[in-house]
Amino acid sequence: MNQNYFVNLPRRFTDNILGLHTDKGERWLADLPQIVDKIAENWSLLVEQPFPNLSYNFVAPCVCADGSQTVLKIGYCGENSEIFSEARLLKIFNGKGTVKLLRFDKNYCALLIERLIPGANLIKICQQNDAEATTIAIDVMRKFWRKPAEWQNFPLLEKWTNGLQKAENTIFPARFISKARNNFDELVALSKQNFLLHGDLHHENILSAEREPFLAIDPKGIIGDIGYDISVFLNNPLGWVLSQSNPQKILAFRVEQFAEAFEIEPQNLRKWAFAQKVLSAWWAFEENGKEWETDLALAGIWEKI
């Protein structure tokens, strides 16, 4: 493994690891080259330059001994690592609407997954034809949402949304928190059926592929109403939406598409989108205090639609 890869890891990635895991995160980053080498040896992989947009996991294309192209993903290996949920979810989906899981090493929190080629995400399509990007997302969603079995150990959506309670007695705007909590409470009460959801289904997590036209990557695994998955997509890509001359028009048309596709009241989708964006803003505030005001700017737009 080329050690220069680790000298030039993205600052965002290292900051995230250090911010979340402090001294343990520093040790994990120091051990990461050896972890990659060990996995590469065990699985007979040639690991290439990691992807440039790393955020919370080390992710790199690689080549197997048989010449097949795959992707190695390694997460910080804590007790509650999201990698465990991702591995379970991908195993359940078995490639239906999502990337396939090929191997998993729980000791190193390492996944080997199929590489999606050409692997272009929906951002460029969105910028050229937002309605087309939304149609693609709808098709992907239809393929993998399913009713959870009783034995499936994934968190309920309420566990995520209850995190908003911690925003009390902080400088985070109380009005947004109160409205978001009310929206979540109302929408969860109205929910007729919980599904096994992706949890982070935005434009960068839907890629073009050969096995299917498009497939989802990086699922978190959560049980709840499909409105939550839809709301994540509605709220992205954040910077592009906010840069448009009439973001309300774009968002309103997205709502129409999803409402018709899944027979959901448009007003409920708007409530989902507002609440999800406030939750996202709170997570940003809680982690590092950056960019949360940008998230709230989009939440404010939802109040006007």
Protein backbone atom coordinates (compact mmCIF):
# COMPACT_ATOMS: atom_id res chain seq x y z
CA MET A 1 0.00 0.00 0.00
CA ASN A 2 1.36 3.40 -0.95
CA GLN A 3 1.91 5.27 2.32
CA ASN A 4 1.52 8.60 0.52
CA TYR A 5 -2.20 7.85 0.37
CA PHE A 6 -2.37 8.39 4.11
CA VAL A 7 -0.30 11.56 4.12
CA ASN A 8 -2.81 13.14 1.76
CA LEU A 9 -6.07 11.95 3.29
CA PRO A 10 -8.79 14.62 3.00
CA ARG A 11 -8.83 17.10 5.88
CA ARG A 12 -12.59 16.67 6.18
CA PHE A 13 -12.13 12.94 6.83
CA THR A 14 -9.42 13.30 9.47
CA ASP A 15 -11.25 16.18 11.17
CA ASN A 16 -14.43 14.10 11.35
CA ILE A 17 -12.64 11.12 12.87
CA LEU A 18 -10.79 13.24 15.41
CA GLY A 19 -13.90 15.25 16.24
CA LEU A 20 -15.99 12.15 16.90
CA HIS A 21 -13.43 9.83 18.49
CA THR A 22 -10.69 12.16 19.84
CA ASP A 23 -7.64 10.19 21.07
CA LYS A 24 -9.06 6.83 19.94
CA GLY A 25 -9.70 8.32 16.53
CA GLU A 26 -6.11 9.53 16.35
CA ARG A 27 -4.85 6.04 17.12
CA TRP A 28 -7.19 4.54 14.53
CA LEU A 29 -5.91 6.94 11.87
CA ALA A 30 -2.33 6.02 12.80
CA ASP A 31 -3.18 2.32 12.49
CA LEU A 32 -5.14 2.71 9.26
CA PRO A 33 -2.23 1.93 6.85
CA GLN A 34 -1.59 -1.36 8.66
CA ILE A 35 -5.31 -2.18 8.71
CA VAL A 36 -5.57 -1.64 4.95
CA ASP A 37 -2.46 -3.76 4.36
CA LYS A 38 -3.84 -6.56 6.53
CA ILE A 39 -7.21 -6.62 4.76
CA ALA A 40 -5.51 -6.43 1.36
CA GLU A 41 -3.37 -9.44 2.28
CA ASN A 42 -6.28 -11.46 3.71
CA TRP A 43 -8.53 -10.80 0.73
CA SER A 44 -5.83 -10.71 -1.98
CA LEU A 45 -6.59 -7.13 -3.02
CA LEU A 46 -4.66 -4.48 -4.88
CA VAL A 47 -5.87 -1.30 -3.17
CA GLU A 48 -5.74 1.87 -5.25
CA GLN A 49 -5.83 5.58 -4.42
CA PRO A 50 -8.77 6.27 -2.07
CA PHE A 51 -11.71 8.28 -3.31
CA PRO A 52 -11.21 12.04 -2.79
CA ASN A 53 -14.52 12.72 -1.04
CA LEU A 54 -13.96 10.69 2.13
CA SER A 55 -16.08 11.80 5.07
CA TYR A 56 -16.33 9.22 7.88
CA ASN A 57 -14.89 6.05 6.32
CA PHE A 58 -11.83 5.04 4.33
CA VAL A 59 -13.09 4.05 0.86
CA ALA A 60 -10.89 3.01 -2.05
CA PRO A 61 -11.28 1.14 -5.35
CA CYS A 62 -9.40 -2.13 -5.53
CA VAL A 63 -8.78 -5.12 -7.76
CA CYS A 64 -9.25 -8.72 -6.63
CA ALA A 65 -6.98 -11.63 -7.54
CA ASP A 66 -9.42 -12.67 -10.29
CA GLY A 67 -9.23 -9.19 -11.84
CA SER A 68 -12.69 -8.07 -10.71
CA GLN A 69 -13.07 -4.44 -9.67
CA THR A 70 -14.41 -3.86 -6.18
CA VAL A 71 -14.44 -1.25 -3.42
CA LEU A 72 -12.89 -1.52 0.03
CA LYS A 73 -14.63 0.41 2.80
CA ILE A 74 -13.23 0.56 6.35
CA GLY A 75 -14.91 2.38 9.21
CA TYR A 76 -13.78 3.36 12.68
CA CYS A 77 -14.25 0.15 14.61
CA GLY A 78 -16.22 1.12 17.69
CA GLU A 79 -18.96 -0.79 19.46
CA ASN A 80 -21.71 1.11 17.65
CA SER A 81 -20.01 1.50 14.29
CA GLU A 82 -22.46 2.17 11.44
CA ILE A 83 -20.49 -0.34 9.39
CA PHE A 84 -22.22 -3.18 11.25
CA SER A 85 -25.66 -1.87 10.26
CA GLU A 86 -24.53 -1.29 6.69
CA ALA A 87 -23.23 -4.86 6.41
CA ARG A 88 -26.47 -6.32 7.80
CA LEU A 89 -28.61 -4.17 5.53
CA LEU A 90 -26.64 -4.96 2.37
CA LYS A 91 -26.84 -8.65 3.19
CA ILE A 92 -30.63 -8.39 3.53
CA PHE A 93 -31.07 -6.39 0.32
CA ASN A 94 -28.70 -8.74 -1.56
CA GLY A 95 -28.17 -6.31 -4.41
CA LYS A 96 -31.83 -5.43 -4.92
CA GLY A 97 -31.70 -1.69 -5.47
CA THR A 98 -28.35 -1.46 -3.71
CA VAL A 99 -24.70 -2.33 -4.19
CA LYS A 100 -23.80 -5.95 -3.33
CA LEU A 101 -21.83 -6.92 -0.25
CA LEU A 102 -19.06 -9.38 -1.13
CA ARG A 103 -17.14 -9.79 2.13
CA PHE A 104 -17.20 -8.41 5.67
CA ASP A 105 -14.59 -8.45 8.43
CA LYS A 106 -16.21 -7.43 11.72
CA ASN A 107 -12.89 -7.23 13.55
CA TYR A 108 -11.63 -4.45 11.28
CA CYS A 109 -15.05 -3.03 10.31
CA ALA A 110 -14.15 -3.66 6.67
CA LEU A 111 -16.53 -4.19 3.78
CA LEU A 112 -15.73 -5.42 0.29
CA ILE A 113 -18.49 -4.34 -2.08
CA GLU A 114 -19.07 -4.47 -5.80
CA ARG A 115 -17.79 -1.49 -7.73
CA LEU A 116 -20.46 0.37 -9.65
CA ILE A 117 -19.37 1.34 -13.15
CA PRO A 118 -19.53 3.98 -14.54
CA GLY A 119 -20.43 5.09 -11.00
CA ALA A 120 -21.68 8.62 -11.74
CA ASN A 121 -23.98 10.02 -9.07
CA LEU A 122 -27.18 11.99 -9.62
CA ILE A 123 -25.80 15.47 -9.03
CA LYS A 124 -24.95 16.20 -12.68
CA ILE A 125 -28.29 14.81 -13.84
CA CYS A 126 -30.02 16.92 -11.20
CA GLN A 127 -28.27 20.06 -12.41
CA GLN A 128 -29.36 19.39 -15.99
CA ASN A 129 -32.80 17.90 -15.38
CA ASP A 130 -33.95 17.76 -11.77
CA ALA A 131 -37.18 15.92 -12.61
CA GLU A 132 -35.20 13.11 -14.27
CA ALA A 133 -32.96 12.72 -11.21
CA THR A 134 -36.04 12.48 -8.99
CA THR A 135 -37.60 9.86 -11.27
CA ILE A 136 -34.43 7.76 -11.00
CA ALA A 137 -34.49 8.03 -7.20
CA ILE A 138 -38.12 6.93 -7.11
CA ASP A 139 -37.28 3.83 -9.14
CA VAL A 140 -34.37 2.93 -6.83
CA MET A 141 -36.52 3.43 -3.73
CA ARG A 142 -39.21 1.11 -5.04
CA LYS A 143 -36.65 -1.69 -5.36
CA PHE A 144 -35.26 -1.85 -1.85
CA TRP A 145 -37.87 -0.63 0.63
CA ARG A 146 -39.34 -3.62 2.44
CA LYS A 147 -41.21 -4.44 5.62
CA PRO A 148 -38.75 -5.26 8.43
CA ALA A 149 -38.77 -8.71 9.98
CA GLU A 150 -39.24 -8.86 13.75
CA TRP A 151 -35.71 -10.15 14.29
CA GLN A 152 -33.98 -7.39 12.34
CA ASN A 153 -31.99 -5.29 14.79
CA PHE A 154 -32.05 -1.77 13.34
CA PRO A 155 -32.83 1.45 15.21
CA LEU A 156 -36.27 2.99 14.98
CA LEU A 157 -36.51 6.42 13.39
CA GLU A 158 -37.75 7.76 16.73
CA LYS A 159 -34.30 7.07 18.20
CA TRP A 160 -32.80 9.49 15.70
CA THR A 161 -35.48 12.17 16.05
CA ASN A 162 -35.39 12.04 19.86
CA GLY A 163 -31.90 13.47 19.57
CA LEU A 164 -33.50 16.87 19.05
CA GLN A 165 -34.27 16.95 22.77
CA LYS A 166 -30.59 17.60 23.41
CA ALA A 167 -30.87 20.92 21.56
CA GLU A 168 -32.72 22.45 24.48
CA ASN A 169 -30.69 24.95 26.50
CA THR A 170 -28.29 25.52 23.61
CA ILE A 171 -28.01 28.47 21.22
CA PHE A 172 -29.66 26.39 18.49
CA PRO A 173 -32.87 28.27 17.49
CA ALA A 174 -35.67 26.92 19.68
CA ARG A 175 -38.40 27.73 17.15
CA PHE A 176 -36.98 25.32 14.60
CA ILE A 177 -36.52 22.57 17.18
CA SER A 178 -40.07 22.89 18.49
CA LYS A 179 -41.61 22.79 15.03
CA ALA A 180 -39.44 19.89 13.87
CA ARG A 181 -40.30 17.82 16.94
CA ASN A 182 -43.99 18.52 16.45
CA ASN A 183 -43.74 17.51 12.80
CA PHE A 184 -41.95 14.25 13.61
CA ASP A 185 -44.46 13.39 16.36
CA GLU A 186 -47.39 14.06 14.05
CA LEU A 187 -45.95 12.18 11.08
CA VAL A 188 -44.87 9.12 13.08
CA ALA A 189 -48.36 8.96 14.58
CA LEU A 190 -49.89 9.08 11.10
CA SER A 191 -47.59 6.37 9.75
CA LYS A 192 -49.48 3.23 8.71
CA GLN A 193 -46.47 1.00 8.02
CA ASN A 194 -42.80 1.02 8.94
CA PHE A 195 -40.20 -0.02 6.39
CA LEU A 196 -36.54 -0.89 6.42
CA LEU A 197 -35.03 2.35 5.09
CA HIS A 198 -31.73 3.45 3.61
CA GLY A 199 -31.43 6.38 6.01
CA ASP A 200 -29.17 8.63 3.92
CA LEU A 201 -30.52 8.45 0.39
CA HIS A 202 -29.26 11.61 -1.27
CA HIS A 203 -27.99 12.28 -4.80
CA GLU A 204 -24.39 11.24 -4.09
CA ASN A 205 -25.53 7.86 -2.79
CA ILE A 206 -27.26 6.79 -6.02
CA LEU A 207 -24.78 5.74 -8.72
CA SER A 208 -25.00 4.58 -12.32
CA ALA A 209 -24.19 0.90 -12.78
CA GLU A 210 -24.13 -1.97 -15.27
CA ARG A 211 -26.18 -4.57 -13.37
CA GLU A 212 -28.99 -2.00 -12.98
CA PRO A 213 -29.19 1.52 -14.43
CA PHE A 214 -28.76 2.96 -10.92
CA LEU A 215 -28.09 1.50 -7.47
CA ALA A 216 -27.84 2.91 -3.96
CA ILE A 217 -24.71 2.86 -1.80
CA ASP A 218 -23.86 3.67 1.84
CA PRO A 219 -27.11 2.68 3.60
CA LYS A 220 -27.36 3.42 7.32
CA GLY A 221 -30.24 1.07 8.14
CA ILE A 222 -33.23 2.41 10.04
CA ILE A 223 -36.85 1.40 10.54
CA GLY A 224 -39.50 4.03 9.92
CA ASP A 225 -41.86 5.73 7.50
CA ILE A 226 -40.75 6.08 3.86
CA GLY A 227 -41.33 9.81 4.22
CA TYR A 228 -37.99 10.07 5.99
CA ASP A 229 -35.99 8.57 3.10
CA ILE A 230 -37.88 10.80 0.68
CA SER A 231 -37.15 13.87 2.80
CA VAL A 232 -33.39 13.26 2.68
CA PHE A 233 -33.53 13.26 -1.11
CA LEU A 234 -35.78 16.33 -1.18
CA ASN A 235 -33.20 18.27 0.82
CA ASN A 236 -30.25 17.58 -1.47
CA PRO A 237 -27.91 18.58 -2.96
CA LEU A 238 -28.06 21.41 -0.44
CA GLY A 239 -25.66 23.88 -2.03
CA TRP A 240 -27.16 23.49 -5.50
CA VAL A 241 -30.73 23.92 -4.29
CA LEU A 242 -29.90 27.07 -2.35
CA SER A 243 -28.01 28.52 -5.33
CA GLN A 244 -31.03 28.37 -7.65
CA SER A 245 -33.02 31.49 -8.47
CA ASN A 246 -36.29 29.81 -7.50
CA PRO A 247 -35.61 26.90 -5.12
CA GLN A 248 -39.25 26.86 -3.98
CA LYS A 249 -40.36 25.90 -7.49
CA ILE A 250 -37.82 23.08 -7.73
CA LEU A 251 -38.74 21.67 -4.33
CA ALA A 252 -42.47 21.96 -4.97
CA PHE A 253 -42.17 19.95 -8.18
CA ARG A 254 -40.12 17.28 -6.41
CA VAL A 255 -42.90 17.02 -3.83
CA GLU A 256 -45.45 16.55 -6.61
CA GLN A 257 -43.41 13.71 -8.12
CA PHE A 258 -42.99 11.85 -4.83
CA ALA A 259 -46.57 12.48 -3.72
CA GLU A 260 -47.92 10.97 -6.93
CA ALA A 261 -45.46 8.06 -6.97
CA PHE A 262 -46.12 6.93 -3.40
CA GLU A 263 -49.61 8.35 -2.76
CA ILE A 264 -48.51 10.64 0.07
CA GLU A 265 -50.13 13.95 0.95
CA PRO A 266 -47.87 16.74 -0.36
CA GLN A 267 -48.23 18.68 2.89
CA ASN A 268 -46.92 15.70 4.83
CA LEU A 269 -43.87 15.50 2.57
CA ARG A 270 -43.19 19.18 3.19
CA LYS A 271 -43.40 18.52 6.94
CA TRP A 272 -41.01 15.58 6.62
CA ALA A 273 -38.56 17.71 4.64
CA PHE A 274 -38.62 20.58 7.14
CA ALA A 275 -38.14 18.29 10.13
CA GLN A 276 -35.38 16.27 8.49
CA LYS A 277 -33.45 19.40 7.55
CA VAL A 278 -33.67 20.71 11.12
CA LEU A 279 -32.45 17.34 12.40
CA SER A 280 -29.55 17.48 9.93
CA ALA A 281 -28.75 21.02 11.11
CA TRP A 282 -28.75 19.86 14.73
CA TRP A 283 -26.36 17.01 13.91
CA ALA A 284 -24.00 19.48 12.23
CA PHE A 285 -24.26 21.81 15.23
CA GLU A 286 -23.68 18.98 17.68
CA GLU A 287 -20.64 17.58 15.85
CA ASN A 288 -18.63 20.66 15.07
CA GLY A 289 -20.79 23.78 15.04
CA LYS A 290 -20.28 24.36 11.32
CA GLU A 291 -22.71 24.66 8.39
CA TRP A 292 -25.81 24.19 10.54
CA GLU A 293 -27.08 27.64 9.61
CA THR A 294 -27.01 26.63 5.93
CA ASP A 295 -29.21 23.65 6.75
CA LEU A 296 -31.63 25.94 8.58
CA ALA A 297 -31.74 28.23 5.53
CA LEU A 298 -33.28 25.36 3.55
CA ALA A 299 -35.62 24.51 6.41
CA GLY A 300 -36.79 28.11 6.22
CA ILE A 301 -37.55 27.71 2.53
CA TRP A 302 -39.78 24.71 3.28
CA GLU A 303 -41.85 26.98 5.51
CA LYS A 304 -42.65 29.11 2.44
CA ILE A 305 -43.74 26.32 0.10
